[in-house]
Structure formats: C-alpha cells, structure tokens
Amino acid sequence: MVFHVVAVGRMRHAALREACDDYRKRATRYFKLEVHEIPDAARGGRPEMEARRREAAGLLQAIPRAAAAIALSREGETEDSRGFAERMARWQREARDIAFVIGGASGLDASVFERCGGRLSLSSWTLPHELARLVLLEQVYRAGTIIRGEPYHKASR
C-alpha cells in the first residue's frame, strides 16, 4: 500500500522544497510515500479555465488507477491531527493505495473532483499549493508518529 501525493507544479521556493523533502523523508519511516508532480499549466499566461483543464488531465493521468483519490480542497472535510492519523491507520489496514490530489493556483477542475472519492481540507483559508503540499507532508509524518505513539505530537487528548 502506497500513499501518493499528486500535485501541480514543482516546488520553486528553495526553503519550501527543502522542508517538503525533509518531511517526505521523515514520513517514509512510517509509510510508503511517492510524490508525483505534473506541470503547472497556469505558467505562460494561459487562461484560468484552460490551465485548470490541462492540469486536470495531468492529475487524472498521474493518479494510480487502483488508488482511492482524495482532493485537497478548502471545502473538504476537516479533522484534527489525531483523526487524520486514525484515517491513515485505517487506510493502511485496508491496504489500498491512497492519492492526495493538490491542484495548482487555479484550483481543481470538476473532473478531478469526480474522480476523487472524498475531499479533505487542510484549512478554511486559501493556501498556496506549495504550502498546501508542505502542510500535507508534515501531517502525514505527524500521523506516523501518532500511530506509533512517538512524542512528536504534543496535543492532549
């Protein structure tokens, strides 16, 4: 079973790229994790709708066929870190690949939402897609530490 992060664009900001690489490496102590990047179609001045359609085609192709896909969206379900860890543990027990899908600056096309079996919100705030990836990777790592009972997660419950 593999957790996939399927995202639009490369990490252009060095500090964010370094932080993402760090959390990705940490998370692989607990989970098999793969990151798939597709080109940012908004670069080059394309109209927003066209960029979203092009990105959707790339995202849909990058999502592994057998994976259950979860769209990261401000309008998605919210849960705390412990709840996310419980969800990750359940997915591990079910041994089904999961793909977290992160759109670009134009958001996700309706066709991507149709492919996804659910929506998950990282925040009610709008986040830049690079920052959303960092937050997701940190939470995946945190979930691993919660599942194993390690001291990284400090929240009481």
Protein backbone atom coordinates (compact mmCIF):
# COMPACT_ATOMS: atom_id res chain seq x y z
CA MET A 1 0.00 0.00 0.00
CA VAL A 2 1.31 3.38 -1.04
CA PHE A 3 0.32 6.93 -0.19
CA HIS A 4 0.70 9.19 -3.22
CA VAL A 5 0.87 12.97 -3.29
CA VAL A 6 -0.21 14.06 -6.76
CA ALA A 7 0.41 17.77 -7.14
CA VAL A 8 0.52 20.52 -9.72
CA GLY A 9 3.88 22.20 -10.14
CA ARG A 10 7.38 21.85 -8.86
CA MET A 11 8.44 23.32 -5.54
CA ARG A 12 10.03 26.52 -6.83
CA HIS A 13 10.87 28.11 -3.48
CA ALA A 14 14.05 26.56 -2.10
CA ALA A 15 13.03 26.77 1.56
CA LEU A 16 9.65 25.13 0.92
CA ARG A 17 11.27 22.48 -1.29
CA GLU A 18 13.78 21.69 1.46
CA ALA A 19 11.06 21.49 4.11
CA CYS A 20 8.92 19.23 1.88
CA ASP A 21 11.89 16.96 1.21
CA ASP A 22 12.58 16.76 4.94
CA TYR A 23 9.01 15.81 5.89
CA ARG A 24 8.74 13.39 2.95
CA LYS A 25 11.89 11.61 4.15
CA ARG A 26 10.63 11.55 7.73
CA ALA A 27 7.23 10.22 6.65
CA THR A 28 8.85 7.33 4.76
CA ARG A 29 9.87 5.89 8.14
CA TYR A 30 6.18 5.10 8.64
CA PHE A 31 4.60 4.87 5.20
CA LYS A 32 5.49 4.11 1.62
CA LEU A 33 5.12 7.56 0.08
CA GLU A 34 5.50 8.76 -3.50
CA VAL A 35 5.24 12.31 -4.84
CA HIS A 36 4.07 12.89 -8.42
CA GLU A 37 4.35 16.35 -9.93
CA ILE A 38 2.57 17.46 -13.06
CA PRO A 39 3.32 20.66 -14.99
CA ASP A 40 1.82 23.94 -13.82
CA ALA A 41 -0.31 24.92 -16.82
CA ALA A 42 -1.01 28.42 -15.47
CA ARG A 43 2.57 29.44 -16.16
CA GLY A 44 2.87 31.12 -19.52
CA GLY A 45 -0.28 33.21 -19.24
CA ARG A 46 -2.92 30.63 -20.20
CA PRO A 47 -6.50 31.50 -19.31
CA GLU A 48 -7.51 30.03 -15.93
CA MET A 49 -10.11 27.62 -17.34
CA GLU A 50 -7.68 26.22 -19.91
CA ALA A 51 -4.94 25.88 -17.31
CA ARG A 52 -7.30 24.04 -14.95
CA ARG A 53 -8.37 21.64 -17.74
CA ARG A 54 -4.75 20.90 -18.72
CA GLU A 55 -3.76 20.35 -15.11
CA ALA A 56 -6.79 18.10 -14.59
CA ALA A 57 -5.70 15.91 -17.50
CA GLY A 58 -2.23 15.59 -15.96
CA LEU A 59 -3.55 14.94 -12.46
CA LEU A 60 -6.02 12.31 -13.64
CA GLN A 61 -3.28 10.53 -15.55
CA ALA A 62 -0.91 10.66 -12.56
CA ILE A 63 -3.38 9.20 -10.05
CA PRO A 64 -2.71 5.45 -9.92
CA ARG A 65 -5.71 3.52 -11.29
CA ALA A 66 -6.31 1.40 -8.20
CA ALA A 67 -5.83 4.27 -5.74
CA ALA A 68 -8.63 5.90 -3.84
CA ALA A 69 -8.19 9.62 -4.51
CA ILE A 70 -8.76 12.42 -2.01
CA ALA A 71 -8.93 16.01 -3.29
CA LEU A 72 -7.41 18.61 -1.02
CA SER A 73 -9.89 21.45 -1.04
CA ARG A 74 -10.86 24.28 1.26
CA GLU A 75 -14.43 22.92 1.08
CA GLY A 76 -13.40 19.43 2.20
CA GLU A 77 -13.86 17.58 5.47
CA THR A 78 -11.88 18.87 8.41
CA GLU A 79 -10.35 16.81 11.17
CA ASP A 80 -7.65 17.19 13.73
CA SER A 81 -4.25 15.51 13.52
CA ARG A 82 -5.31 12.54 15.64
CA GLY A 83 -8.37 11.97 13.45
CA PHE A 84 -6.19 12.13 10.33
CA ALA A 85 -3.79 9.61 11.91
CA GLU A 86 -6.70 7.27 12.62
CA ARG A 87 -7.79 7.61 8.99
CA MET A 88 -4.24 6.86 7.78
CA ALA A 89 -4.09 3.79 10.03
CA ARG A 90 -7.45 2.57 8.68
CA TRP A 91 -6.23 3.01 5.10
CA GLN A 92 -3.10 1.01 5.98
CA ARG A 93 -5.20 -1.82 7.40
CA GLU A 94 -7.33 -1.81 4.23
CA ALA A 95 -4.07 -1.98 2.19
CA ARG A 96 -5.43 0.28 -0.54
CA ASP A 97 -3.32 2.91 -2.26
CA ILE A 98 -4.41 6.47 -1.49
CA ALA A 99 -3.69 9.52 -3.66
CA PHE A 100 -3.89 13.00 -2.16
CA VAL A 101 -4.53 15.43 -5.03
CA ILE A 102 -3.35 19.05 -4.83
CA GLY A 103 -4.38 21.49 -7.54
CA GLY A 104 -2.50 24.48 -8.82
CA ALA A 105 -3.18 28.20 -8.47
CA SER A 106 -6.42 27.82 -10.47
CA GLY A 107 -7.74 25.10 -8.19
CA LEU A 108 -9.09 21.71 -9.23
CA ASP A 109 -11.30 21.03 -12.23
CA ALA A 110 -14.68 19.35 -11.70
CA SER A 111 -13.36 16.24 -13.47
CA VAL A 112 -10.78 15.78 -10.70
CA PHE A 113 -13.43 16.12 -8.00
CA GLU A 114 -15.49 13.49 -9.86
CA ARG A 115 -12.55 11.05 -9.79
CA CYS A 116 -11.90 11.64 -6.11
CA GLY A 117 -13.85 9.71 -3.51
CA GLY A 118 -13.60 12.47 -0.96
CA ARG A 119 -12.37 15.92 -0.13
CA LEU A 120 -10.11 16.88 2.73
CA SER A 121 -9.49 20.42 3.94
CA LEU A 122 -6.16 21.47 5.39
CA SER A 123 -7.64 24.82 6.39
CA SER A 124 -10.62 27.04 5.67
CA TRP A 125 -8.03 29.54 4.43
CA THR A 126 -6.87 29.52 0.85
CA LEU A 127 -3.29 28.21 0.79
CA PRO A 128 -0.73 28.46 -1.99
CA HIS A 129 -0.37 24.98 -3.49
CA GLU A 130 3.29 24.75 -2.44
CA LEU A 131 2.35 25.49 1.17
CA ALA A 132 -0.54 23.01 1.00
CA ARG A 133 1.94 20.31 -0.02
CA LEU A 134 4.19 21.16 2.92
CA VAL A 135 1.28 21.05 5.37
CA LEU A 136 0.10 17.71 3.97
CA LEU A 137 3.57 16.12 4.17
CA GLU A 138 4.03 17.35 7.74
CA GLN A 139 0.64 15.90 8.71
CA VAL A 140 1.47 12.56 7.07
CA TYR A 141 4.67 12.47 9.12
CA ARG A 142 2.77 13.50 12.26
CA ALA A 143 0.22 10.74 11.62
CA GLY A 144 3.03 8.20 11.56
CA THR A 145 4.32 9.38 14.92
CA ILE A 146 0.82 9.32 16.42
CA ILE A 147 0.17 5.79 15.15
CA ARG A 148 3.45 4.59 16.68
CA GLY A 149 2.94 6.53 19.92
CA GLU A 150 6.07 8.63 19.43
CA PRO A 151 6.39 12.00 21.20
CA TYR A 152 6.34 14.40 18.19
CA HIS A 153 2.60 15.17 18.51
CA LYS A 154 2.07 17.30 21.62
CA ALA A 155 -1.70 17.85 21.61
CA SER A 156 -3.56 16.41 24.57
CA ARG A 157 -6.44 14.01 24.11
